[in-house]
Amino acid sequence: MKAIQLRKPGGLDNLAVVDVADPGQPKAGEILVRMRASSLNYHDYLIVAGLVPSGENRIPMSDGAGEVLAVGEGVDTFKVGEKVISLFFPIGSTERR
């Protein structure tokens, strides 16, 4: 599958479209989402520009929308086929399953 990945922090020129491995089935407490739309918001820009510490090969995507493809064991809040959006401030994994 394709992803836009930050080779290393330091500027927009360091973003590249890459092939990444299929993540497979989600683990317990996780969901797998097919992203249909995403954007590079200001927080992502700060990371890409190197103004917020980050490692190499990060996928900058605080904002996104898609649909649930699979749910891991113990997940009962989300169902396959539901439309979802990402949260800029994710809740803890024990707070919502």
Protein backbone atom coordinates (compact mmCIF):
# COMPACT_ATOMS: atom_id res chain seq x y z
CA MET A 1 0.00 0.00 0.00
CA LYS A 2 1.07 3.62 -0.47
CA ALA A 3 1.94 6.14 2.23
CA ILE A 4 3.47 9.58 2.38
CA GLN A 5 6.45 9.27 4.67
CA LEU A 6 8.90 11.77 6.09
CA ARG A 7 12.39 10.52 5.22
CA LYS A 8 13.87 12.83 7.85
CA PRO A 9 12.67 16.09 9.44
CA GLY A 10 13.80 19.26 7.73
CA GLY A 11 11.30 20.32 5.08
CA LEU A 12 8.51 19.43 2.70
CA ASP A 13 11.08 18.17 0.18
CA ASN A 14 11.74 15.27 2.56
CA LEU A 15 8.23 13.84 2.07
CA ALA A 16 8.03 10.88 -0.30
CA VAL A 17 5.36 8.51 -1.56
CA VAL A 18 6.49 5.03 -0.54
CA ASP A 19 5.24 1.46 -0.56
CA VAL A 20 4.68 0.06 2.94
CA ALA A 21 3.76 -3.42 4.07
CA ASP A 22 0.12 -4.31 4.59
CA PRO A 23 -0.43 -4.11 8.36
CA GLY A 24 -2.45 -7.34 8.43
CA GLN A 25 -5.05 -8.01 11.09
CA PRO A 26 -5.30 -5.50 13.94
CA LYS A 27 -4.06 -6.57 17.37
CA ALA A 28 -6.21 -6.56 20.50
CA GLY A 29 -7.63 -3.10 21.13
CA GLU A 30 -6.77 -1.84 17.61
CA ILE A 31 -8.73 -1.14 14.45
CA LEU A 32 -7.62 -1.13 10.81
CA VAL A 33 -8.82 1.88 8.81
CA ARG A 34 -8.69 2.45 5.07
CA MET A 35 -7.90 6.14 4.75
CA ARG A 36 -9.97 7.93 2.13
CA ALA A 37 -8.73 11.47 2.83
CA SER A 38 -5.98 13.12 4.82
CA SER A 39 -4.39 16.52 5.16
CA LEU A 40 -1.13 17.97 6.33
CA ASN A 41 -2.22 20.23 9.19
CA TYR A 42 -0.08 22.78 11.04
CA HIS A 43 1.09 20.25 13.66
CA ASP A 44 2.21 17.90 10.88
CA TYR A 45 3.96 20.80 9.14
CA LEU A 46 5.92 21.60 12.32
CA ILE A 47 7.10 17.98 12.46
CA VAL A 48 7.99 17.88 8.76
CA ALA A 49 9.86 21.18 9.05
CA GLY A 50 11.88 19.82 11.99
CA LEU A 51 10.43 22.30 14.50
CA VAL A 52 8.97 19.49 16.64
CA PRO A 53 11.25 16.52 17.40
CA SER A 54 10.47 13.38 15.39
CA GLY A 55 12.23 10.35 14.04
CA GLU A 56 12.77 9.33 10.46
CA ASN A 57 10.11 7.57 8.35
CA ARG A 58 7.16 9.04 10.24
CA ILE A 59 3.84 9.24 8.42
CA PRO A 60 2.57 12.74 9.22
CA MET A 61 -1.19 12.43 9.39
CA SER A 62 -2.98 13.96 12.33
CA ASP A 63 -6.09 14.58 10.22
CA GLY A 64 -7.75 11.84 8.23
CA ALA A 65 -11.03 10.13 7.41
CA GLY A 66 -11.85 6.63 6.26
CA GLU A 67 -13.69 3.42 7.02
CA VAL A 68 -13.07 0.57 9.42
CA LEU A 69 -11.83 -2.55 7.62
CA ALA A 70 -11.21 -4.79 10.63
CA VAL A 71 -11.34 -4.71 14.42
CA GLY A 72 -9.06 -6.45 16.88
CA GLU A 73 -10.04 -8.56 19.85
CA GLY A 74 -11.85 -6.65 22.57
CA VAL A 75 -12.97 -3.80 20.32
CA ASP A 76 -16.72 -3.29 20.61
CA THR A 77 -17.13 0.45 19.96
CA PHE A 78 -16.19 0.32 16.28
CA LYS A 79 -17.72 -1.93 13.63
CA VAL A 80 -16.44 -2.95 10.19
CA GLY A 81 -17.76 -0.55 7.56
CA GLU A 82 -18.21 2.43 9.88
CA LYS A 83 -16.93 5.82 8.74
CA VAL A 84 -14.32 7.27 11.12
CA ILE A 85 -12.05 10.30 11.52
CA SER A 86 -8.73 10.58 13.30
CA LEU A 87 -8.35 12.57 16.50
CA PHE A 88 -5.56 15.08 16.92
CA PHE A 89 -5.43 14.19 20.63
CA PRO A 90 -6.03 10.42 20.69
CA ILE A 91 -7.69 8.96 23.74
CA GLY A 92 -5.94 6.22 25.64
CA SER A 93 -6.41 2.69 24.35
CA THR A 94 -8.17 1.67 27.56
CA GLU A 95 -10.73 4.49 27.31
CA ARG A 96 -12.46 3.38 24.12
CA ARG A 97 -12.65 -0.10 22.68
